[in-house]
N, C-alpha and C. Protein backbone atom coordinates (compact mmCIF):
# COMPACT_ATOMS: atom_id res chain seq x y z
N MET A 1 2.68 -22.19 -30.82
CA MET A 1 2.35 -22.30 -29.47
C MET A 1 1.11 -21.91 -29.21
N ASN A 2 0.30 -22.79 -28.30
CA ASN A 2 -1.11 -22.52 -27.85
C ASN A 2 -0.87 -21.83 -26.60
N PHE A 3 -1.32 -20.65 -26.42
CA PHE A 3 -1.40 -19.79 -25.15
C PHE A 3 -2.53 -20.23 -24.35
N ASP A 4 -2.62 -20.33 -23.06
CA ASP A 4 -3.64 -20.23 -22.02
C ASP A 4 -4.17 -19.23 -22.14
N LEU A 5 -5.21 -18.78 -23.07
CA LEU A 5 -5.82 -17.43 -23.27
C LEU A 5 -6.68 -17.06 -22.00
N ALA A 6 -7.24 -18.19 -21.64
CA ALA A 6 -8.13 -17.57 -20.19
C ALA A 6 -7.17 -16.98 -19.04
N SER A 7 -6.02 -17.56 -19.05
CA SER A 7 -5.18 -17.01 -17.91
C SER A 7 -4.34 -15.67 -18.23
N VAL A 8 -4.34 -15.45 -19.64
CA VAL A 8 -3.46 -14.12 -20.09
C VAL A 8 -4.66 -13.11 -20.19
N ASP A 9 -6.12 -13.43 -20.48
CA ASP A 9 -6.94 -12.68 -20.26
C ASP A 9 -7.13 -12.14 -18.64
N TYR A 10 -7.18 -12.85 -17.78
CA TYR A 10 -7.50 -12.79 -16.70
C TYR A 10 -6.58 -11.77 -15.96
N ILE A 11 -5.07 -11.99 -16.35
CA ILE A 11 -4.23 -10.97 -15.91
C ILE A 11 -4.34 -9.77 -16.47
N LEU A 12 -4.76 -9.50 -17.60
CA LEU A 12 -4.98 -8.17 -18.20
C LEU A 12 -6.17 -7.59 -17.74
N GLU A 13 -7.31 -8.41 -17.57
CA GLU A 13 -8.58 -7.71 -17.31
C GLU A 13 -8.55 -7.52 -15.64
N THR A 14 -7.56 -8.11 -14.83
CA THR A 14 -7.81 -7.81 -13.31
C THR A 14 -6.39 -7.09 -12.83
N THR A 15 -5.83 -6.41 -13.80
CA THR A 15 -4.43 -5.70 -13.28
C THR A 15 -5.12 -4.38 -12.94
N ARG A 16 -5.10 -3.88 -11.60
CA ARG A 16 -5.47 -2.78 -10.98
C ARG A 16 -4.56 -2.03 -10.54
N SER A 17 -4.70 -0.69 -10.46
CA SER A 17 -3.84 0.17 -9.39
C SER A 17 -4.10 -0.07 -8.04
N VAL A 18 -2.92 -0.58 -7.42
CA VAL A 18 -3.21 -1.22 -6.24
C VAL A 18 -2.49 -0.20 -5.16
N ARG A 19 -3.54 0.51 -4.35
CA ARG A 19 -3.08 1.53 -3.30
C ARG A 19 -3.52 0.81 -1.73
N LYS A 20 -4.75 0.86 -1.44
CA LYS A 20 -5.09 0.45 -0.18
C LYS A 20 -4.86 -1.04 0.16
N ARG A 21 -4.44 -1.79 -0.70
CA ARG A 21 -4.22 -3.19 -0.64
C ARG A 21 -2.65 -3.56 -0.54
N LEU A 22 -1.95 -2.63 -0.75
CA LEU A 22 -0.59 -2.86 -0.66
C LEU A 22 -0.09 -3.35 0.67
N ASP A 23 0.47 -4.55 0.81
CA ASP A 23 1.07 -5.11 2.09
C ASP A 23 2.36 -4.15 2.55
N LEU A 24 2.37 -3.40 3.42
CA LEU A 24 3.52 -2.41 3.76
C LEU A 24 4.38 -2.77 4.49
N GLY A 25 4.26 -4.10 4.97
CA GLY A 25 4.99 -4.88 6.18
C GLY A 25 5.71 -5.94 5.29
N ARG A 26 5.45 -6.41 4.17
CA ARG A 26 5.96 -7.53 3.56
C ARG A 26 7.19 -7.09 2.55
N PRO A 27 8.53 -7.68 2.64
CA PRO A 27 9.53 -7.11 1.78
C PRO A 27 9.10 -8.04 0.34
N VAL A 28 9.70 -7.29 -0.43
CA VAL A 28 9.46 -7.84 -1.88
C VAL A 28 10.93 -8.32 -2.43
N PRO A 29 11.04 -9.56 -2.70
CA PRO A 29 12.49 -9.95 -2.86
C PRO A 29 12.82 -9.41 -4.13
N ARG A 30 14.43 -9.12 -4.17
CA ARG A 30 15.01 -8.49 -5.45
C ARG A 30 14.93 -9.47 -6.47
N ASP A 31 15.09 -10.78 -6.45
CA ASP A 31 15.39 -11.63 -7.43
C ASP A 31 14.01 -11.78 -8.25
N ILE A 32 12.88 -11.70 -7.57
CA ILE A 32 11.44 -11.82 -8.28
C ILE A 32 11.26 -10.29 -9.16
N VAL A 33 11.72 -9.16 -8.62
CA VAL A 33 11.81 -7.93 -9.53
C VAL A 33 12.66 -7.88 -10.57
N MET A 34 13.71 -8.50 -10.24
CA MET A 34 14.70 -8.76 -11.39
C MET A 34 14.02 -9.41 -12.62
N ARG A 35 13.49 -10.67 -12.10
CA ARG A 35 12.94 -11.52 -13.37
C ARG A 35 12.00 -10.49 -14.02
N CYS A 36 11.13 -9.98 -13.23
CA CYS A 36 10.08 -9.02 -13.94
C CYS A 36 10.68 -8.02 -14.83
N LEU A 37 11.79 -7.66 -14.52
CA LEU A 37 12.39 -6.39 -14.99
C LEU A 37 13.10 -7.13 -16.50
N GLU A 38 13.37 -8.39 -16.08
CA GLU A 38 13.83 -8.99 -17.56
C GLU A 38 12.82 -9.14 -18.60
N ILE A 39 11.70 -9.46 -18.07
CA ILE A 39 10.46 -9.52 -18.85
C ILE A 39 10.15 -8.29 -19.42
N ALA A 40 10.25 -7.12 -18.71
CA ALA A 40 9.74 -5.73 -19.10
C ALA A 40 10.46 -5.35 -20.22
N ILE A 41 11.76 -5.70 -20.31
CA ILE A 41 12.71 -4.98 -21.41
C ILE A 41 12.56 -5.79 -22.76
N GLN A 42 11.63 -6.54 -22.67
CA GLN A 42 11.22 -7.38 -23.97
C GLN A 42 10.43 -6.60 -24.61
N ALA A 43 9.93 -5.26 -24.08
CA ALA A 43 8.78 -4.45 -24.78
C ALA A 43 9.46 -3.80 -25.81
N PRO A 44 8.65 -3.28 -26.93
CA PRO A 44 9.35 -2.46 -28.02
C PRO A 44 9.61 -0.98 -27.59
N THR A 45 10.70 -0.37 -28.35
CA THR A 45 11.07 0.78 -28.21
C THR A 45 11.34 1.43 -29.35
N GLY A 46 11.08 2.88 -29.31
CA GLY A 46 10.99 3.69 -30.56
C GLY A 46 12.52 3.43 -31.27
N SER A 47 12.71 2.94 -32.46
CA SER A 47 14.02 2.94 -33.40
C SER A 47 14.84 1.87 -32.51
N ASN A 48 14.24 0.96 -31.80
CA ASN A 48 14.93 0.09 -30.99
C ASN A 48 15.98 0.71 -30.24
N SER A 49 15.66 1.82 -29.55
CA SER A 49 16.67 2.49 -28.92
C SER A 49 17.20 1.86 -27.54
N GLN A 50 15.98 1.27 -26.90
CA GLN A 50 16.33 0.43 -25.62
C GLN A 50 16.95 1.46 -24.59
N GLY A 51 16.48 2.71 -24.36
CA GLY A 51 17.23 3.61 -23.61
C GLY A 51 16.79 3.74 -22.21
N TRP A 52 15.86 2.60 -21.98
CA TRP A 52 15.26 2.51 -20.50
C TRP A 52 16.48 2.23 -19.50
N LYS A 53 16.01 2.73 -18.31
CA LYS A 53 16.80 2.59 -17.06
C LYS A 53 15.70 2.47 -15.83
N TRP A 54 16.01 1.68 -14.90
CA TRP A 54 15.21 1.45 -13.78
C TRP A 54 15.97 1.74 -12.53
N LEU A 55 15.30 2.56 -11.63
CA LEU A 55 15.83 2.69 -10.37
C LEU A 55 14.72 2.14 -9.26
N ALA A 56 15.51 1.15 -8.40
CA ALA A 56 14.77 0.40 -7.60
C ALA A 56 14.98 0.98 -6.07
N LEU A 57 14.23 1.17 -5.56
CA LEU A 57 14.41 1.97 -4.03
C LEU A 57 13.90 1.44 -2.91
N THR A 58 14.72 1.01 -1.87
CA THR A 58 14.24 0.45 -0.57
C THR A 58 14.63 1.05 0.39
N ASP A 59 15.66 1.99 0.33
CA ASP A 59 16.53 2.55 1.45
C ASP A 59 15.25 3.46 2.11
N PRO A 60 15.16 3.07 3.45
CA PRO A 60 14.00 3.93 4.22
C PRO A 60 14.08 5.36 4.15
N ASP A 61 15.12 6.05 4.48
CA ASP A 61 15.22 7.20 4.58
C ASP A 61 14.97 8.02 3.31
N LYS A 62 15.39 7.38 2.10
CA LYS A 62 15.09 8.10 0.88
C LYS A 62 13.71 7.80 0.39
N LYS A 63 13.15 6.62 1.06
CA LYS A 63 11.84 6.50 0.50
C LYS A 63 10.71 7.66 1.23
N ALA A 64 11.27 7.80 2.76
CA ALA A 64 10.25 8.57 3.27
C ALA A 64 10.58 10.12 2.77
N LYS A 65 11.76 10.50 2.13
CA LYS A 65 11.86 11.60 1.83
C LYS A 65 10.85 12.00 0.48
N ILE A 66 10.91 11.03 -0.25
CA ILE A 66 10.12 10.70 -1.75
C ILE A 66 8.98 11.00 -1.30
N GLY A 67 8.26 10.20 -0.26
CA GLY A 67 6.98 10.03 -0.19
C GLY A 67 6.36 11.47 0.58
N GLU A 68 7.23 12.14 1.16
CA GLU A 68 6.78 13.37 1.70
C GLU A 68 6.61 14.46 0.58
N TYR A 69 7.48 14.39 -0.52
CA TYR A 69 7.18 15.27 -1.69
C TYR A 69 6.06 14.59 -2.32
N TYR A 70 5.97 13.15 -2.46
CA TYR A 70 4.62 12.79 -3.04
C TYR A 70 3.18 13.32 -2.45
N ARG A 71 3.49 13.22 -0.91
CA ARG A 71 2.13 13.65 -0.18
C ARG A 71 1.88 14.97 -0.55
N GLU A 72 2.75 16.00 -0.33
CA GLU A 72 2.66 17.35 -0.52
C GLU A 72 1.97 17.66 -1.93
N SER A 73 2.54 16.72 -2.90
CA SER A 73 2.12 17.05 -4.26
C SER A 73 0.65 16.56 -4.57
N TRP A 74 0.35 15.54 -3.76
CA TRP A 74 -1.05 15.00 -3.94
C TRP A 74 -1.98 15.83 -3.24
N TYR A 75 -1.81 16.40 -2.16
CA TYR A 75 -2.73 17.42 -1.55
C TYR A 75 -3.09 18.73 -2.26
N ALA A 76 -1.70 19.26 -2.76
CA ALA A 76 -1.99 20.38 -3.54
C ALA A 76 -2.78 20.17 -5.02
N TYR A 77 -2.64 19.14 -5.49
CA TYR A 77 -3.31 18.73 -6.63
C TYR A 77 -5.02 18.27 -6.15
N ALA A 78 -5.18 17.66 -5.15
CA ALA A 78 -6.48 17.40 -4.64
C ALA A 78 -7.21 18.62 -4.32
N GLY A 79 -6.43 19.70 -3.67
CA GLY A 79 -6.98 20.67 -3.34
C GLY A 79 -7.36 21.64 -4.57
N ASN A 80 -6.59 21.86 -5.51
CA ASN A 80 -6.92 22.49 -6.62
C ASN A 80 -8.02 21.70 -7.63
N ALA A 81 -8.22 20.55 -7.40
CA ALA A 81 -9.30 20.05 -8.18
C ALA A 81 -10.47 20.18 -7.40
N GLY A 82 -10.36 20.20 -6.22
CA GLY A 82 -11.80 20.45 -5.34
C GLY A 82 -12.28 21.73 -5.67
N ARG A 83 -11.27 22.91 -5.72
CA ARG A 83 -11.73 24.18 -6.13
C ARG A 83 -12.44 24.44 -7.39
N GLY A 84 -11.98 23.45 -8.20
CA GLY A 84 -12.59 23.61 -9.52
C GLY A 84 -13.76 22.90 -10.07
N ALA A 85 -14.09 21.91 -8.75
CA ALA A 85 -15.38 21.28 -9.00
C ALA A 85 -16.73 21.87 -8.92
N SER A 86 -17.75 21.27 -9.38
CA SER A 86 -18.97 21.81 -9.41
C SER A 86 -19.73 21.54 -7.90
N ASP A 87 -20.96 21.89 -7.76
CA ASP A 87 -21.45 21.34 -6.28
C ASP A 87 -22.02 20.21 -6.33
N SER A 88 -21.79 19.51 -7.33
CA SER A 88 -22.45 18.10 -7.28
C SER A 88 -21.39 17.29 -6.75
N GLN A 89 -21.67 16.21 -5.90
CA GLN A 89 -20.75 15.32 -5.29
C GLN A 89 -20.44 14.23 -6.11
N PRO A 90 -19.09 13.75 -5.82
CA PRO A 90 -18.44 12.74 -6.65
C PRO A 90 -19.41 11.38 -6.73
N SER A 91 -19.19 10.63 -7.64
CA SER A 91 -20.24 9.21 -7.62
C SER A 91 -19.25 8.54 -6.58
N ALA A 92 -20.10 7.45 -6.29
CA ALA A 92 -19.58 6.58 -5.25
C ALA A 92 -18.38 5.85 -5.82
N GLN A 93 -18.09 5.54 -6.84
CA GLN A 93 -16.97 5.03 -7.38
C GLN A 93 -15.69 6.07 -7.22
N MET A 94 -16.05 7.17 -7.81
CA MET A 94 -14.83 8.24 -7.71
C MET A 94 -14.71 8.62 -6.17
N GLN A 95 -15.58 8.50 -5.01
CA GLN A 95 -15.07 8.52 -3.66
C GLN A 95 -14.43 7.62 -3.61
N ARG A 96 -14.39 6.37 -3.87
CA ARG A 96 -13.64 5.10 -3.47
C ARG A 96 -12.16 5.24 -4.13
N VAL A 97 -12.02 5.81 -5.18
CA VAL A 97 -10.75 6.36 -5.90
C VAL A 97 -10.14 7.43 -5.22
N ILE A 98 -10.66 8.32 -4.86
CA ILE A 98 -10.24 9.44 -3.92
C ILE A 98 -9.76 8.99 -2.70
N SER A 99 -10.58 8.21 -2.13
CA SER A 99 -10.02 7.60 -0.83
C SER A 99 -8.92 6.69 -0.97
N SER A 100 -8.79 5.91 -1.99
CA SER A 100 -7.56 5.19 -1.99
C SER A 100 -6.42 5.80 -2.57
N ALA A 101 -6.27 6.98 -3.38
CA ALA A 101 -5.36 7.95 -3.75
C ALA A 101 -4.91 8.65 -2.26
N ARG A 102 -5.79 9.09 -1.73
CA ARG A 102 -5.49 9.77 -0.28
C ARG A 102 -4.43 8.80 0.48
N TYR A 103 -4.91 7.59 0.58
CA TYR A 103 -4.37 6.66 1.53
C TYR A 103 -2.89 6.12 1.03
N LEU A 104 -2.90 6.04 -0.38
CA LEU A 104 -1.56 5.89 -0.87
C LEU A 104 -0.46 7.31 -0.75
N ALA A 105 -1.22 8.36 -0.87
CA ALA A 105 -0.41 9.64 -0.68
C ALA A 105 0.19 9.60 0.99
N ASP A 106 -0.85 9.21 1.67
CA ASP A 106 -0.40 9.19 3.03
C ASP A 106 0.76 8.23 3.38
N HIS A 107 0.79 7.06 2.67
CA HIS A 107 1.52 5.74 3.13
C HIS A 107 2.75 5.83 1.98
N MET A 108 2.82 6.63 0.94
CA MET A 108 3.59 6.31 -0.05
C MET A 108 5.34 5.89 0.37
N GLY A 109 5.53 6.87 1.57
CA GLY A 109 6.94 6.66 2.03
C GLY A 109 7.22 5.05 2.74
N GLU A 110 6.05 4.51 2.93
CA GLU A 110 6.14 3.15 3.78
C GLU A 110 6.15 1.97 2.75
N VAL A 111 6.08 2.13 1.62
CA VAL A 111 5.92 1.09 0.71
C VAL A 111 7.25 0.09 0.74
N PRO A 112 7.36 -1.09 0.39
CA PRO A 112 8.61 -1.74 0.65
C PRO A 112 9.33 -1.46 -0.68
N MET A 113 9.16 -1.19 -1.44
CA MET A 113 10.12 -0.92 -2.77
C MET A 113 9.26 0.34 -3.78
N MET A 114 10.11 1.30 -4.16
CA MET A 114 9.67 2.11 -5.22
C MET A 114 10.63 1.62 -6.29
N ILE A 115 9.86 1.78 -7.64
CA ILE A 115 10.75 1.59 -8.74
C ILE A 115 10.24 2.81 -10.00
N PHE A 116 11.25 3.40 -10.13
CA PHE A 116 11.21 4.66 -11.20
C PHE A 116 11.58 4.34 -12.73
N PRO A 117 10.74 3.76 -13.62
CA PRO A 117 10.97 3.86 -14.91
C PRO A 117 11.27 5.12 -15.50
N CYS A 118 12.70 4.69 -16.20
CA CYS A 118 13.27 6.37 -16.71
C CYS A 118 13.66 5.59 -18.20
N VAL A 119 14.07 6.87 -18.86
CA VAL A 119 14.16 6.75 -20.07
C VAL A 119 15.44 7.81 -20.52
N GLN A 120 16.38 7.50 -21.19
CA GLN A 120 17.29 8.52 -21.86
C GLN A 120 16.86 9.43 -22.52
N GLY A 121 17.08 10.70 -22.42
CA GLY A 121 16.54 11.81 -22.95
C GLY A 121 15.52 12.64 -22.41
N ARG A 122 14.99 13.80 -22.95
CA ARG A 122 14.17 14.85 -22.23
C ARG A 122 12.95 15.30 -23.08
N ALA A 123 11.89 15.23 -22.80
CA ALA A 123 10.81 16.10 -23.73
C ALA A 123 11.06 17.63 -23.88
N THR A 124 10.75 18.03 -25.22
CA THR A 124 10.84 19.29 -25.39
C THR A 124 9.62 19.86 -25.88
N GLU A 125 9.34 21.35 -25.92
CA GLU A 125 8.08 21.69 -26.16
C GLU A 125 7.61 21.92 -27.90
N ASP A 126 8.94 21.89 -28.59
CA ASP A 126 8.84 21.94 -30.01
C ASP A 126 9.06 20.63 -30.64
N ASN A 127 9.07 19.33 -29.99
CA ASN A 127 8.95 18.16 -30.71
C ASN A 127 8.03 17.29 -30.40
N PRO A 128 6.81 17.18 -30.81
CA PRO A 128 5.66 16.34 -30.22
C PRO A 128 5.95 14.90 -30.61
N ALA A 129 6.62 14.89 -31.95
CA ALA A 129 6.70 13.33 -32.50
C ALA A 129 7.92 12.56 -31.45
N GLY A 130 8.80 13.62 -31.45
CA GLY A 130 10.10 13.20 -30.38
C GLY A 130 9.65 12.63 -29.05
N ASN A 131 8.52 13.46 -28.54
CA ASN A 131 8.05 13.39 -27.08
C ASN A 131 7.18 12.09 -26.92
N ALA A 132 6.49 11.69 -28.31
CA ALA A 132 5.58 10.51 -28.02
C ALA A 132 6.65 9.36 -28.32
N SER A 133 7.59 9.51 -28.90
CA SER A 133 8.65 8.35 -29.26
C SER A 133 9.26 8.21 -27.66
N LEU A 134 9.69 9.20 -26.96
CA LEU A 134 10.35 9.19 -25.97
C LEU A 134 9.59 8.51 -24.95
N TYR A 135 8.44 8.82 -24.60
CA TYR A 135 7.44 8.31 -23.57
C TYR A 135 7.06 6.55 -24.08
N GLY A 136 6.88 6.90 -25.44
CA GLY A 136 6.36 5.33 -25.92
C GLY A 136 7.45 4.46 -25.75
N SER A 137 8.83 4.75 -25.54
CA SER A 137 9.81 3.77 -25.39
C SER A 137 9.94 3.26 -24.13
N ILE A 138 9.24 3.75 -23.07
CA ILE A 138 9.20 3.42 -21.68
C ILE A 138 8.03 2.81 -21.04
N ILE A 139 6.81 3.37 -21.57
CA ILE A 139 5.37 3.17 -20.97
C ILE A 139 5.00 1.70 -21.13
N PRO A 140 5.57 1.08 -22.44
CA PRO A 140 5.15 -0.29 -22.71
C PRO A 140 5.82 -1.08 -21.70
N ALA A 141 7.30 -0.88 -21.53
CA ALA A 141 7.99 -1.82 -20.68
C ALA A 141 7.60 -1.71 -19.19
N ALA A 142 7.21 -0.51 -18.88
CA ALA A 142 6.62 -0.28 -17.43
C ALA A 142 5.33 -1.02 -17.23
N TRP A 143 4.56 -1.05 -18.13
CA TRP A 143 3.39 -1.72 -18.22
C TRP A 143 3.55 -3.18 -18.02
N SER A 144 4.43 -3.64 -18.94
CA SER A 144 4.71 -5.20 -18.95
C SER A 144 5.46 -5.37 -17.46
N LEU A 145 6.17 -4.59 -16.94
CA LEU A 145 6.68 -4.76 -15.71
C LEU A 145 5.46 -5.08 -14.63
N MET A 146 4.32 -4.26 -14.60
CA MET A 146 3.53 -4.36 -13.70
C MET A 146 2.70 -5.41 -14.00
N LEU A 147 2.47 -6.03 -15.25
CA LEU A 147 1.73 -7.23 -15.57
C LEU A 147 2.51 -8.40 -14.83
N ALA A 148 3.79 -8.52 -15.13
CA ALA A 148 4.57 -9.55 -14.68
C ALA A 148 4.58 -9.60 -13.01
N LEU A 149 4.66 -8.41 -12.51
CA LEU A 149 4.64 -8.37 -11.03
C LEU A 149 3.26 -8.82 -10.52
N ARG A 150 2.14 -8.48 -11.11
CA ARG A 150 0.61 -8.98 -11.13
C ARG A 150 0.72 -10.24 -11.05
N ALA A 151 1.20 -11.09 -12.06
CA ALA A 151 1.10 -12.19 -12.08
C ALA A 151 1.78 -13.28 -10.94
N ARG A 152 2.56 -12.48 -10.00
CA ARG A 152 3.17 -13.11 -9.13
C ARG A 152 2.70 -12.62 -7.60
N GLY A 153 1.67 -11.95 -7.65
CA GLY A 153 0.94 -11.41 -6.78
C GLY A 153 1.38 -10.19 -6.02
N ILE A 154 2.07 -9.44 -7.02
CA ILE A 154 2.76 -8.29 -6.59
C ILE A 154 1.99 -6.99 -7.03
N GLY A 155 1.48 -6.08 -6.39
CA GLY A 155 0.76 -5.16 -6.82
C GLY A 155 1.76 -3.63 -7.07
N ALA A 156 1.05 -2.69 -7.83
CA ALA A 156 1.69 -1.49 -8.16
C ALA A 156 0.70 -0.54 -8.64
N ALA A 157 1.05 0.51 -8.62
CA ALA A 157 0.23 1.81 -9.21
C ALA A 157 0.98 2.61 -10.01
N TRP A 158 0.65 3.15 -11.08
CA TRP A 158 1.20 4.19 -11.90
C TRP A 158 0.93 5.70 -11.21
N THR A 159 1.99 6.08 -10.76
CA THR A 159 1.97 7.49 -10.19
C THR A 159 3.03 8.57 -10.70
N THR A 160 2.57 9.86 -10.89
CA THR A 160 3.41 10.63 -11.33
C THR A 160 3.51 12.16 -10.52
N LEU A 161 2.67 12.05 -9.36
CA LEU A 161 2.72 13.44 -8.86
C LEU A 161 3.90 13.97 -8.15
N HIS A 162 4.99 12.91 -7.74
CA HIS A 162 6.21 13.23 -7.16
C HIS A 162 6.94 14.09 -8.31
N LEU A 163 6.51 14.18 -9.64
CA LEU A 163 7.21 15.01 -10.46
C LEU A 163 7.10 16.53 -10.26
N SER A 164 6.09 16.90 -9.58
CA SER A 164 6.04 18.33 -9.30
C SER A 164 7.24 18.87 -8.57
N TYR A 165 8.09 17.78 -7.97
CA TYR A 165 9.33 17.93 -7.07
C TYR A 165 10.31 17.10 -7.79
N GLU A 166 10.19 17.22 -9.09
CA GLU A 166 11.20 16.16 -9.85
C GLU A 166 12.78 16.53 -9.68
N ALA A 167 13.15 17.75 -9.58
CA ALA A 167 14.53 18.19 -9.28
C ALA A 167 14.87 17.82 -7.61
N GLU A 168 14.01 17.95 -6.80
CA GLU A 168 14.43 17.51 -5.38
C GLU A 168 14.60 15.87 -5.49
N CYS A 169 13.79 15.17 -6.08
CA CYS A 169 13.56 13.70 -6.02
C CYS A 169 14.81 13.11 -6.85
N ASN A 170 15.07 13.74 -7.91
CA ASN A 170 16.27 13.30 -8.79
C ASN A 170 17.62 13.56 -7.85
N ALA A 171 17.51 14.66 -7.15
CA ALA A 171 18.72 14.87 -6.45
C ALA A 171 18.99 13.80 -5.07
N ILE A 172 17.69 13.49 -4.68
CA ILE A 172 17.92 12.35 -3.68
C ILE A 172 18.36 11.26 -4.35
N LEU A 173 18.12 10.89 -5.67
CA LEU A 173 18.12 9.66 -6.48
C LEU A 173 19.42 9.61 -7.21
N GLY A 174 19.94 10.93 -7.70
CA GLY A 174 21.27 10.75 -8.39
C GLY A 174 20.93 10.57 -9.75
N ILE A 175 19.57 10.96 -10.20
CA ILE A 175 19.20 10.85 -11.51
C ILE A 175 19.75 11.89 -12.25
N PRO A 176 20.51 11.77 -13.42
CA PRO A 176 20.93 12.66 -14.09
C PRO A 176 19.91 13.55 -14.78
N ASP A 177 20.35 14.98 -15.23
CA ASP A 177 19.32 15.78 -15.70
C ASP A 177 18.98 15.38 -17.26
N ASP A 178 19.79 14.39 -17.87
CA ASP A 178 19.47 14.17 -19.28
C ASP A 178 18.53 12.81 -19.40
N VAL A 179 18.07 12.62 -18.15
CA VAL A 179 17.04 11.33 -18.11
C VAL A 179 15.88 11.90 -17.70
N THR A 180 14.80 10.86 -18.20
CA THR A 180 13.37 11.40 -17.95
C THR A 180 12.79 10.21 -16.97
N THR A 181 12.38 10.55 -16.01
CA THR A 181 11.46 9.87 -14.94
C THR A 181 10.03 9.76 -15.57
N ALA A 182 9.59 8.54 -16.00
CA ALA A 182 8.25 8.48 -16.49
C ALA A 182 7.16 8.29 -15.12
N ALA A 183 7.68 7.51 -14.24
CA ALA A 183 6.43 7.40 -13.15
C ALA A 183 7.26 7.01 -11.95
N LEU A 184 6.55 6.78 -10.77
CA LEU A 184 6.93 6.24 -9.64
C LEU A 184 5.97 5.13 -9.44
N LEU A 185 6.38 3.87 -9.10
CA LEU A 185 5.41 2.73 -9.07
C LEU A 185 5.95 2.32 -7.59
N PRO A 186 4.71 2.08 -6.75
CA PRO A 186 5.02 1.63 -5.39
C PRO A 186 4.73 0.31 -5.62
N ILE A 187 5.61 -0.57 -5.08
CA ILE A 187 5.57 -1.99 -5.44
C ILE A 187 5.25 -2.47 -3.80
N ALA A 188 4.35 -3.52 -3.83
CA ALA A 188 4.42 -4.46 -2.73
C ALA A 188 3.36 -5.59 -3.12
N TYR A 189 3.69 -6.46 -2.25
CA TYR A 189 2.47 -7.85 -2.32
C TYR A 189 1.26 -7.10 -1.83
N PHE A 190 0.05 -7.60 -2.57
CA PHE A 190 -1.30 -7.11 -2.23
C PHE A 190 -1.87 -8.08 -1.46
N THR A 191 -2.87 -7.55 -0.62
CA THR A 191 -3.51 -8.46 0.32
C THR A 191 -4.89 -8.79 -0.28
N GLY A 192 -5.35 -10.01 0.21
CA GLY A 192 -6.67 -10.44 -0.50
C GLY A 192 -6.17 -11.33 -1.41
N GLU A 193 -7.18 -12.11 -2.11
CA GLU A 193 -7.03 -13.10 -3.18
C GLU A 193 -6.61 -12.39 -4.67
N THR A 194 -7.41 -11.51 -5.02
CA THR A 194 -7.26 -11.06 -6.24
C THR A 194 -8.24 -9.84 -6.49
N PHE A 195 -8.34 -9.36 -7.63
CA PHE A 195 -9.11 -8.40 -8.27
C PHE A 195 -10.11 -8.74 -9.06
N GLN A 196 -11.34 -7.64 -9.10
CA GLN A 196 -12.27 -7.98 -10.11
C GLN A 196 -12.04 -7.07 -11.62
N LYS A 197 -12.91 -7.52 -12.52
CA LYS A 197 -12.78 -6.51 -13.40
C LYS A 197 -13.39 -5.35 -13.41
N ALA A 198 -12.86 -4.13 -13.70
CA ALA A 198 -13.49 -2.81 -13.55
C ALA A 198 -14.64 -2.48 -14.50
N ASN A 199 -15.40 -1.68 -14.01
CA ASN A 199 -16.82 -1.24 -14.81
C ASN A 199 -16.12 -0.36 -15.80
N ARG A 200 -16.43 -0.51 -17.03
CA ARG A 200 -15.92 0.00 -18.25
C ARG A 200 -17.14 0.38 -19.32
N VAL A 201 -17.01 1.52 -19.77
CA VAL A 201 -17.91 1.56 -20.98
C VAL A 201 -17.45 0.59 -22.22
N PRO A 202 -18.29 -0.22 -22.68
CA PRO A 202 -17.88 -1.13 -23.74
C PRO A 202 -17.06 -0.58 -24.95
N ALA A 203 -16.10 -1.44 -25.20
CA ALA A 203 -15.17 -0.71 -26.25
C ALA A 203 -16.04 -0.46 -27.68
N SER A 204 -17.17 -1.38 -27.87
CA SER A 204 -17.93 -0.79 -29.17
C SER A 204 -18.68 0.58 -28.99
N GLN A 205 -18.53 1.15 -27.95
CA GLN A 205 -19.27 2.53 -27.75
C GLN A 205 -17.79 3.63 -27.96
N LEU A 206 -16.64 2.91 -27.87
CA LEU A 206 -15.51 3.67 -27.93
C LEU A 206 -14.57 3.79 -29.02
N THR A 207 -15.15 2.81 -29.98
CA THR A 207 -14.16 2.46 -31.39
C THR A 207 -14.86 2.86 -32.41
N TYR A 208 -14.16 3.55 -33.61
CA TYR A 208 -14.66 3.89 -34.55
C TYR A 208 -13.97 3.18 -35.79
N TRP A 209 -14.57 3.01 -36.85
CA TRP A 209 -14.25 2.40 -37.87
C TRP A 209 -13.87 3.15 -39.23
N GLU A 210 -12.69 3.24 -39.73
CA GLU A 210 -12.29 4.04 -41.02
C GLU A 210 -12.16 5.69 -40.90
N HIS A 211 -13.27 6.03 -39.98
CA HIS A 211 -13.40 7.61 -39.85
C HIS A 211 -14.00 7.93 -38.69
N TRP A 212 -13.39 8.92 -38.00
CA TRP A 212 -14.03 9.36 -36.60
C TRP A 212 -15.45 9.62 -36.68
N GLY A 213 -15.96 8.96 -35.63
CA GLY A 213 -17.66 8.97 -35.50
C GLY A 213 -18.40 8.01 -36.07
N GLU A 214 -17.66 7.16 -36.96
CA GLU A 214 -18.39 5.80 -37.49
C GLU A 214 -18.22 4.74 -36.71
N SER A 215 -19.20 4.16 -36.27
CA SER A 215 -19.41 3.05 -35.44
C SER A 215 -19.76 1.66 -35.98
């Protein structure tokens, strides 16, 4: 099969974390999300365990409660980060990131849909290989979900700050104690036409061959 590499590369290179450009007033159809989830679960998992679960949330009251926990966690995180910073001002790019992150924190409870990628099992301090396998069994699928949504004009952002209140959020959602929530994805159509490639350090400066430090 011959792939349209230009289209594939375009989706991969322009899938951004969408925060300020989430359309808070436009519902996201369930059938589109389900199609994207069918795509997502084609991702690989450790030992082919397929232990993923997905919780999609549209209930306004529950979203508002989760959103408030997220907001509290974000401002606590931002405050701690600020106290540990140097006197230098953040770069213009970082200021934009902070602004968009603050906007999302203030409006998380208003997004049309939240999706919680979950996986059976819990991480433990004494099992680094098992922990890597646990998260490695849900993150590829969650990223496939975000790419599939992006191809359909729907934005998302990988967020985890609600996990500062994991027990409280799990109680709201009914998530069992033996299940790990990997992230909270705010889901909404994005405004505007598209996104641009991000400014990144070239891969040639980040890649070593055969031995660490050998480029």
